[in-house]
Amino acid sequence: MTGRHRFFVIAFLLSVLIGMGWDTAPAQAQPETLTIAAANSLKDALRKILPLFEAQHREVNVRVIYGPSQTLRSQIEQGAPVDIFLPSLFEEIDQLEKKGLVIQGTKRAYAGTSLVLITGTALPAPVGSIHDLETVAIRRIAVGDPKTSSVGKVAAQFLKYSKLEPKLKSQYVFGEHSRAVLDLVAKGEAEVGVVYRTDAFSNDKVRILDTAPGESHTPVRYGVAAVWTAKNVSGSGDFIEFLLTPQTQALFQEYGFDRVSPEVGLVQQQEVKP
């Protein structure tokens, strides 16, 4: 076969392959999905933060599942396909770790917040502080359900510590998670409520009345860890590092979060005694 004939044969074969749908150009790598299970109280901050992470890591496509921290933990325990766990209470990660369901060396604390007493702006309660709850009659107080939410567990500790539980228990209106508690107060279905400061920080339908003493409850620390069902381990590591960068930390502060030490030893649960 002459060189000219060989050229035409090769050209013909290439045209046939292209016509059959073969692409001779190098294949573009598809972004890998990074699945995050995050507490409802992180929703506003993550809407601002996640696009920045994706812009810096174009090989990663982030998918977020929001819900109450305890519910998300239970789903992870049952094998839900999750890479990263972002609960609103560090204790939830500790519980997974005790069962061997956290990838070793990935657990970090990255933010904190406080527990606050709120009232609605449209129909504010006739109280100005936590101490007023001892004397002023309140018909309904919104709290998180301790069985489903981290904020409910922390609020229960505070109410027991402050000795308000016996007086107010019959007035409790439970919300499934922190945002549900916030909505109960914002809509006037409860006169006051106990939520994380980060939930009330940018909501103009509620007003913060007072802050619960730090010693009255477990420190509210937001933690992160890669879990046993993780498929995108590399992306998980990149995301954890991203949460601890100065840029991301500054953004969290814009949404009312506090800085904390990322060292795990400084965020263990403390015993709260009334």
Protein backbone atom coordinates (compact mmCIF):
# COMPACT_ATOMS: atom_id res chain seq x y z
CA MET A 1 0.00 0.00 0.00
CA THR A 2 1.39 3.36 -0.97
CA GLY A 3 1.67 6.23 1.48
CA ARG A 4 -1.20 8.02 -0.25
CA HIS A 5 -3.47 4.99 -0.01
CA ARG A 6 -2.52 4.52 3.66
CA PHE A 7 -3.50 8.14 4.39
CA PHE A 8 -6.93 7.73 2.82
CA VAL A 9 -7.54 4.44 4.69
CA ILE A 10 -6.68 6.06 8.05
CA ALA A 11 -8.84 9.10 7.25
CA PHE A 12 -11.73 6.81 6.31
CA LEU A 13 -11.45 4.78 9.52
CA LEU A 14 -11.39 7.95 11.64
CA SER A 15 -14.50 9.26 9.92
CA VAL A 16 -16.27 5.95 10.60
CA LEU A 17 -15.31 6.01 14.29
CA ILE A 18 -16.49 9.60 14.72
CA GLY A 19 -19.72 8.75 12.95
CA MET A 20 -20.24 5.89 15.41
CA GLY A 21 -19.99 8.36 18.32
CA TRP A 22 -16.35 7.83 19.22
CA ASP A 23 -14.66 10.97 20.54
CA THR A 24 -10.95 11.13 19.82
CA ALA A 25 -10.43 14.11 22.17
CA PRO A 26 -9.21 13.42 25.72
CA ALA A 27 -12.14 12.79 28.09
CA GLN A 28 -12.91 15.57 30.55
CA ALA A 29 -12.87 14.41 34.18
CA GLN A 30 -16.31 14.60 35.75
CA PRO A 31 -16.57 16.34 39.16
CA GLU A 32 -16.79 13.95 42.11
CA THR A 33 -19.75 14.39 44.42
CA LEU A 34 -19.09 15.32 48.04
CA THR A 35 -22.16 14.55 50.17
CA ILE A 36 -22.52 16.56 53.38
CA ALA A 37 -25.03 15.87 56.15
CA ALA A 38 -25.46 19.23 57.93
CA ALA A 39 -27.52 20.55 60.82
CA ASN A 40 -30.39 22.89 59.93
CA SER A 41 -28.76 25.72 61.89
CA LEU A 42 -25.89 25.80 59.36
CA LYS A 43 -28.09 26.39 56.34
CA ASP A 44 -27.64 30.17 55.98
CA ALA A 45 -23.87 30.10 56.45
CA LEU A 46 -23.32 27.16 54.11
CA ARG A 47 -25.29 28.84 51.32
CA LYS A 48 -22.53 31.47 51.29
CA ILE A 49 -19.58 29.19 52.03
CA LEU A 50 -20.14 26.16 49.78
CA PRO A 51 -20.00 28.04 46.44
CA LEU A 52 -16.59 29.38 47.46
CA PHE A 53 -15.37 25.86 48.17
CA GLU A 54 -16.65 24.61 44.80
CA ALA A 55 -14.96 27.54 43.04
CA GLN A 56 -11.63 26.56 44.59
CA HIS A 57 -12.14 22.82 43.99
CA ARG A 58 -13.74 22.49 40.58
CA GLU A 59 -13.24 18.73 40.68
CA VAL A 60 -15.83 18.53 43.48
CA ASN A 61 -19.60 18.90 43.30
CA VAL A 62 -21.16 19.43 46.75
CA ARG A 63 -24.51 17.89 47.72
CA VAL A 64 -26.02 18.81 51.11
CA ILE A 65 -28.61 16.98 53.20
CA TYR A 66 -30.03 19.19 55.96
CA GLY A 67 -31.80 17.91 59.06
CA PRO A 68 -31.72 17.63 62.86
CA SER A 69 -28.29 16.50 64.04
CA GLN A 70 -29.54 13.44 65.89
CA THR A 71 -31.58 12.30 62.92
CA LEU A 72 -28.60 12.69 60.59
CA ARG A 73 -26.37 10.75 62.99
CA SER A 74 -28.87 7.92 63.10
CA GLN A 75 -28.98 7.80 59.30
CA ILE A 76 -25.18 7.65 59.13
CA GLU A 77 -25.16 4.81 61.65
CA GLN A 78 -27.54 2.93 59.37
CA GLY A 79 -25.23 3.38 56.36
CA ALA A 80 -26.53 6.51 54.62
CA PRO A 81 -24.16 7.45 51.74
CA VAL A 82 -22.53 10.48 53.39
CA ASP A 83 -18.96 11.76 53.20
CA ILE A 84 -18.97 14.60 55.77
CA PHE A 85 -20.99 15.09 58.96
CA LEU A 86 -21.62 18.63 60.23
CA PRO A 87 -23.79 18.43 63.37
CA SER A 88 -24.64 21.37 65.63
CA LEU A 89 -23.24 19.62 68.69
CA PHE A 90 -19.82 18.01 68.85
CA GLU A 91 -21.21 15.20 70.97
CA GLU A 92 -22.93 13.73 67.90
CA ILE A 93 -19.54 13.08 66.29
CA ASP A 94 -18.23 11.63 69.55
CA GLN A 95 -21.08 9.11 69.55
CA LEU A 96 -20.23 8.01 66.01
CA GLU A 97 -16.55 7.75 66.90
CA LYS A 98 -17.29 5.47 69.86
CA LYS A 99 -18.89 3.07 67.39
CA GLY A 100 -15.92 3.25 65.01
CA LEU A 101 -17.92 5.16 62.39
CA VAL A 102 -15.59 8.16 61.99
CA ILE A 103 -12.48 8.11 59.81
CA GLN A 104 -9.56 8.44 62.19
CA GLY A 105 -7.86 11.82 62.28
CA THR A 106 -10.64 13.79 60.56
CA LYS A 107 -12.56 15.05 63.61
CA ARG A 108 -12.25 18.80 64.15
CA ALA A 109 -14.10 21.67 65.83
CA TYR A 110 -14.50 24.74 63.65
CA ALA A 111 -17.08 27.06 65.28
CA GLY A 112 -19.17 27.65 68.36
CA THR A 113 -22.22 29.56 69.53
CA SER A 114 -24.29 30.27 72.64
CA LEU A 115 -27.79 29.50 73.83
CA VAL A 116 -30.17 32.46 73.94
CA LEU A 117 -33.69 33.40 75.02
CA ILE A 118 -35.70 35.04 72.24
CA THR A 119 -39.09 36.65 71.72
CA GLY A 120 -40.98 37.79 68.64
CA THR A 121 -40.70 41.36 67.37
CA ALA A 122 -44.37 41.61 66.41
CA LEU A 123 -45.76 40.44 69.78
CA PRO A 124 -42.87 40.60 72.26
CA ALA A 125 -43.17 38.89 75.63
CA PRO A 126 -43.20 41.08 78.76
CA VAL A 127 -39.77 39.83 79.84
CA GLY A 128 -36.31 41.24 79.43
CA SER A 129 -34.08 38.51 80.83
CA ILE A 130 -33.92 34.88 81.86
CA HIS A 131 -34.49 35.86 85.50
CA ASP A 132 -37.86 37.39 84.56
CA LEU A 133 -39.12 33.90 83.69
CA GLU A 134 -39.11 33.14 87.42
CA THR A 135 -41.84 35.72 88.12
CA VAL A 136 -43.56 36.65 84.84
CA ALA A 137 -46.30 34.30 83.63
CA ILE A 138 -45.57 32.78 80.21
CA ARG A 139 -48.23 30.82 78.34
CA ARG A 140 -45.90 29.05 75.86
CA ILE A 141 -42.15 28.63 75.60
CA ALA A 142 -40.71 27.01 72.46
CA VAL A 143 -37.89 24.52 72.97
CA GLY A 144 -36.29 21.86 70.83
CA ASP A 145 -37.37 18.28 71.28
CA PRO A 146 -34.46 16.59 73.15
CA LYS A 147 -35.29 13.34 71.34
CA THR A 148 -34.65 14.80 67.89
CA SER A 149 -32.52 17.94 68.20
CA SER A 150 -29.22 19.01 69.70
CA VAL A 151 -30.61 22.41 70.67
CA GLY A 152 -33.33 20.57 72.61
CA LYS A 153 -30.75 18.61 74.59
CA VAL A 154 -28.80 21.77 75.41
CA ALA A 155 -31.95 23.74 76.29
CA ALA A 156 -33.04 20.95 78.64
CA GLN A 157 -29.70 21.19 80.46
CA PHE A 158 -30.06 24.96 80.80
CA LEU A 159 -33.66 24.85 82.05
CA LYS A 160 -32.78 22.20 84.62
CA TYR A 161 -29.66 24.07 85.75
CA SER A 162 -31.56 27.35 86.14
CA LYS A 163 -34.35 25.57 88.08
CA LEU A 164 -36.92 26.87 85.60
CA GLU A 165 -37.98 23.42 84.43
CA PRO A 166 -40.63 22.75 87.14
CA LYS A 167 -42.29 26.13 86.53
CA LEU A 168 -42.22 26.09 82.72
CA LYS A 169 -42.49 22.42 81.77
CA SER A 170 -46.25 22.53 81.27
CA GLN A 171 -45.80 25.50 78.91
CA TYR A 172 -43.31 23.76 76.58
CA VAL A 173 -44.06 23.77 72.85
CA PHE A 174 -41.63 21.43 71.10
CA GLY A 175 -39.96 22.03 67.75
CA GLU A 176 -38.26 19.21 65.85
CA HIS A 177 -35.10 21.26 65.36
CA SER A 178 -33.68 24.74 66.00
CA ARG A 179 -35.31 26.38 62.97
CA ALA A 180 -38.69 24.97 63.98
CA VAL A 181 -38.30 26.52 67.44
CA LEU A 182 -37.40 29.83 65.82
CA ASP A 183 -40.49 29.69 63.60
CA LEU A 184 -42.78 29.03 66.58
CA VAL A 185 -41.62 32.29 68.17
CA ALA A 186 -41.50 34.28 64.93
CA LYS A 187 -45.10 33.33 64.13
CA GLY A 188 -46.34 34.14 67.62
CA GLU A 189 -47.19 30.53 68.50
CA ALA A 190 -44.89 30.84 71.53
CA GLU A 191 -44.06 33.99 73.50
CA VAL A 192 -40.44 33.08 74.06
CA GLY A 193 -38.07 30.39 72.87
CA VAL A 194 -34.61 28.93 73.52
CA VAL A 195 -32.39 28.64 70.43
CA TYR A 196 -28.80 28.94 69.30
CA ARG A 197 -27.68 32.53 68.79
CA THR A 198 -26.70 31.69 65.22
CA ASP A 199 -30.34 30.93 64.39
CA ALA A 200 -31.65 34.22 65.77
CA PHE A 201 -28.71 36.34 64.63
CA SER A 202 -30.05 37.47 61.25
CA ASN A 203 -33.79 36.90 61.70
CA ASP A 204 -35.65 40.21 61.96
CA LYS A 205 -38.81 38.50 63.25
CA VAL A 206 -37.23 37.65 66.59
CA ARG A 207 -35.21 39.53 69.19
CA ILE A 208 -32.56 38.16 71.55
CA LEU A 209 -33.44 38.88 75.19
CA ASP A 210 -30.67 37.16 77.10
CA THR A 211 -27.85 34.61 76.90
CA ALA A 212 -27.77 31.44 78.98
CA PRO A 213 -24.75 31.19 81.30
CA GLY A 214 -21.97 29.11 79.79
CA GLU A 215 -21.83 26.84 82.83
CA SER A 216 -25.53 25.96 82.47
CA HIS A 217 -25.08 23.63 79.51
CA THR A 218 -22.66 21.65 77.40
CA PRO A 219 -20.52 24.02 75.29
CA VAL A 220 -22.11 24.37 71.87
CA ARG A 221 -19.32 23.47 69.48
CA TYR A 222 -19.81 22.74 65.81
CA GLY A 223 -17.68 19.84 64.65
CA VAL A 224 -16.83 18.13 61.38
CA ALA A 225 -15.66 14.63 60.51
CA ALA A 226 -15.46 12.27 57.57
CA VAL A 227 -17.59 9.21 58.29
CA TRP A 228 -17.34 5.51 57.58
CA THR A 229 -19.57 5.63 54.48
CA ALA A 230 -17.38 8.26 52.78
CA LYS A 231 -16.56 7.57 49.15
CA ASN A 232 -14.86 10.90 48.39
CA VAL A 233 -12.17 10.80 51.07
CA SER A 234 -9.89 13.21 49.25
CA GLY A 235 -12.65 15.78 48.84
CA SER A 236 -13.59 15.33 52.48
CA GLY A 237 -10.07 16.22 53.57
CA ASP A 238 -10.06 19.31 51.36
CA PHE A 239 -13.39 20.44 52.81
CA ILE A 240 -12.27 20.04 56.42
CA GLU A 241 -9.15 22.10 55.71
CA PHE A 242 -11.32 24.71 53.97
CA LEU A 243 -13.53 25.13 57.05
CA LEU A 244 -10.48 26.05 59.14
CA THR A 245 -9.08 28.69 56.77
CA PRO A 246 -9.14 32.35 57.92
CA GLN A 247 -11.45 33.27 55.02
CA THR A 248 -14.06 30.68 55.98
CA GLN A 249 -13.77 31.46 59.67
CA ALA A 250 -14.46 35.13 58.94
CA LEU A 251 -17.59 34.18 57.00
CA PHE A 252 -18.86 32.07 59.89
CA GLN A 253 -18.43 35.05 62.19
CA GLU A 254 -20.60 37.13 59.85
CA TYR A 255 -23.41 34.68 60.63
CA GLY A 256 -22.97 34.90 64.38
CA PHE A 257 -20.63 31.97 64.99
CA ASP A 258 -17.73 32.14 67.43
CA ARG A 259 -14.17 31.01 66.84
CA VAL A 260 -13.01 27.91 68.71
CA SER A 261 -9.87 25.86 68.90
CA PRO A 262 -9.93 23.07 66.31
CA GLU A 263 -8.20 20.75 68.75
CA VAL A 264 -10.55 17.96 69.75
CA GLY A 265 -9.32 17.79 73.34
CA LEU A 266 -10.68 21.24 74.10
CA VAL A 267 -14.25 20.53 73.04
CA GLN A 268 -15.19 17.42 74.93
CA GLN A 269 -18.56 17.40 76.67
CA GLN A 270 -18.51 18.74 80.18
CA GLU A 271 -20.77 17.54 82.99
CA VAL A 272 -23.47 20.09 83.82
CA LYS A 273 -24.74 20.01 87.38
CA PRO A 274 -27.79 21.97 88.58
